[in-house]
Amino acid sequence: MARRHIEEEKENHERWLISYADMVTMLLCLCVLLFALSQVNQKKFD
């Protein structure tokens, strides 16, 4: 007789970490974008 070992799928309690990491990544991209746009050409400004 062959025994079947049925593994129950474990609950992923750290699912929030993926969403949090995505949010932090988007926030970092926004800050880099705003910094890049804030660089003013001094000759044109004068």
C-alpha atoms as a PDB file:
ATOM      1  CA  MET A   1       0.000   0.000   0.000  1.00  0.00           C
ATOM      2  CA  ALA A   2       1.338   3.363  -0.985  1.00  0.00           C
ATOM      3  CA  ARG A   3       0.848   6.194   1.429  1.00  0.00           C
ATOM      4  CA  ARG A   4       0.127   9.627   0.109  1.00  0.00           C
ATOM      5  CA  HIS A   5       1.590  12.558   1.919  1.00  0.00           C
ATOM      6  CA  ILE A   6      -0.646  15.553   1.369  1.00  0.00           C
ATOM      7  CA  GLU A   7       1.056  18.745   2.379  1.00  0.00           C
ATOM      8  CA  GLU A   8      -1.195  21.548   3.422  1.00  0.00           C
ATOM      9  CA  GLU A   9      -0.368  24.897   1.903  1.00  0.00           C
ATOM     10  CA  LYS A  10       1.067  27.183   4.547  1.00  0.00           C
ATOM     11  CA  GLU A  11      -0.493  30.581   5.038  1.00  0.00           C
ATOM     12  CA  ASN A  12       1.756  33.415   3.961  1.00  0.00           C
ATOM     13  CA  HIS A  13       1.704  35.809   6.899  1.00  0.00           C
ATOM     14  CA  GLU A  14       4.303  38.059   5.296  1.00  0.00           C
ATOM     15  CA  ARG A  15       2.228  38.996   2.253  1.00  0.00           C
ATOM     16  CA  TRP A  16       2.087  42.618   3.456  1.00  0.00           C
ATOM     17  CA  LEU A  17       5.872  42.848   3.023  1.00  0.00           C
ATOM     18  CA  ILE A  18       5.590  42.667  -0.773  1.00  0.00           C
ATOM     19  CA  SER A  19       3.101  45.527  -0.880  1.00  0.00           C
ATOM     20  CA  TYR A  20       5.231  47.551   1.515  1.00  0.00           C
ATOM     21  CA  ALA A  21       8.365  46.983  -0.562  1.00  0.00           C
ATOM     22  CA  ASP A  22       6.511  48.061  -3.711  1.00  0.00           C
ATOM     23  CA  MET A  23       5.306  51.226  -1.990  1.00  0.00           C
ATOM     24  CA  VAL A  24       8.804  52.105  -0.754  1.00  0.00           C
ATOM     25  CA  THR A  25      10.228  51.494  -4.238  1.00  0.00           C
ATOM     26  CA  MET A  26       7.639  53.788  -5.824  1.00  0.00           C
ATOM     27  CA  LEU A  27       8.321  56.457  -3.214  1.00  0.00           C
ATOM     28  CA  LEU A  28      12.052  56.259  -3.934  1.00  0.00           C
ATOM     29  CA  CYS A  29      11.395  56.585  -7.671  1.00  0.00           C
ATOM     30  CA  LEU A  30       9.211  59.627  -7.049  1.00  0.00           C
ATOM     31  CA  CYS A  31      11.925  61.297  -4.955  1.00  0.00           C
ATOM     32  CA  VAL A  32      14.574  60.614  -7.615  1.00  0.00           C
ATOM     33  CA  LEU A  33      12.274  61.975 -10.318  1.00  0.00           C
ATOM     34  CA  LEU A  34      11.517  65.139  -8.349  1.00  0.00           C
ATOM     35  CA  PHE A  35      15.206  65.652  -7.639  1.00  0.00           C
ATOM     36  CA  ALA A  36      16.065  65.225 -11.324  1.00  0.00           C
ATOM     37  CA  LEU A  37      13.433  67.771 -12.339  1.00  0.00           C
ATOM     38  CA  SER A  38      14.563  70.272  -9.725  1.00  0.00           C
ATOM     39  CA  GLN A  39      18.002  70.797 -11.285  1.00  0.00           C
ATOM     40  CA  VAL A  40      17.930  74.285 -12.794  1.00  0.00           C
ATOM     41  CA  ASN A  41      20.272  75.458 -15.525  1.00  0.00           C
ATOM     42  CA  GLN A  42      21.970  78.488 -13.933  1.00  0.00           C
ATOM     43  CA  LYS A  43      22.579  80.285 -17.281  1.00  0.00           C
ATOM     44  CA  LYS A  44      18.925  80.067 -18.260  1.00  0.00           C
ATOM     45  CA  PHE A  45      17.890  81.152 -14.788  1.00  0.00           C
ATOM     46  CA  ASP A  46      20.024  84.313 -14.967  1.00  0.00           C
END
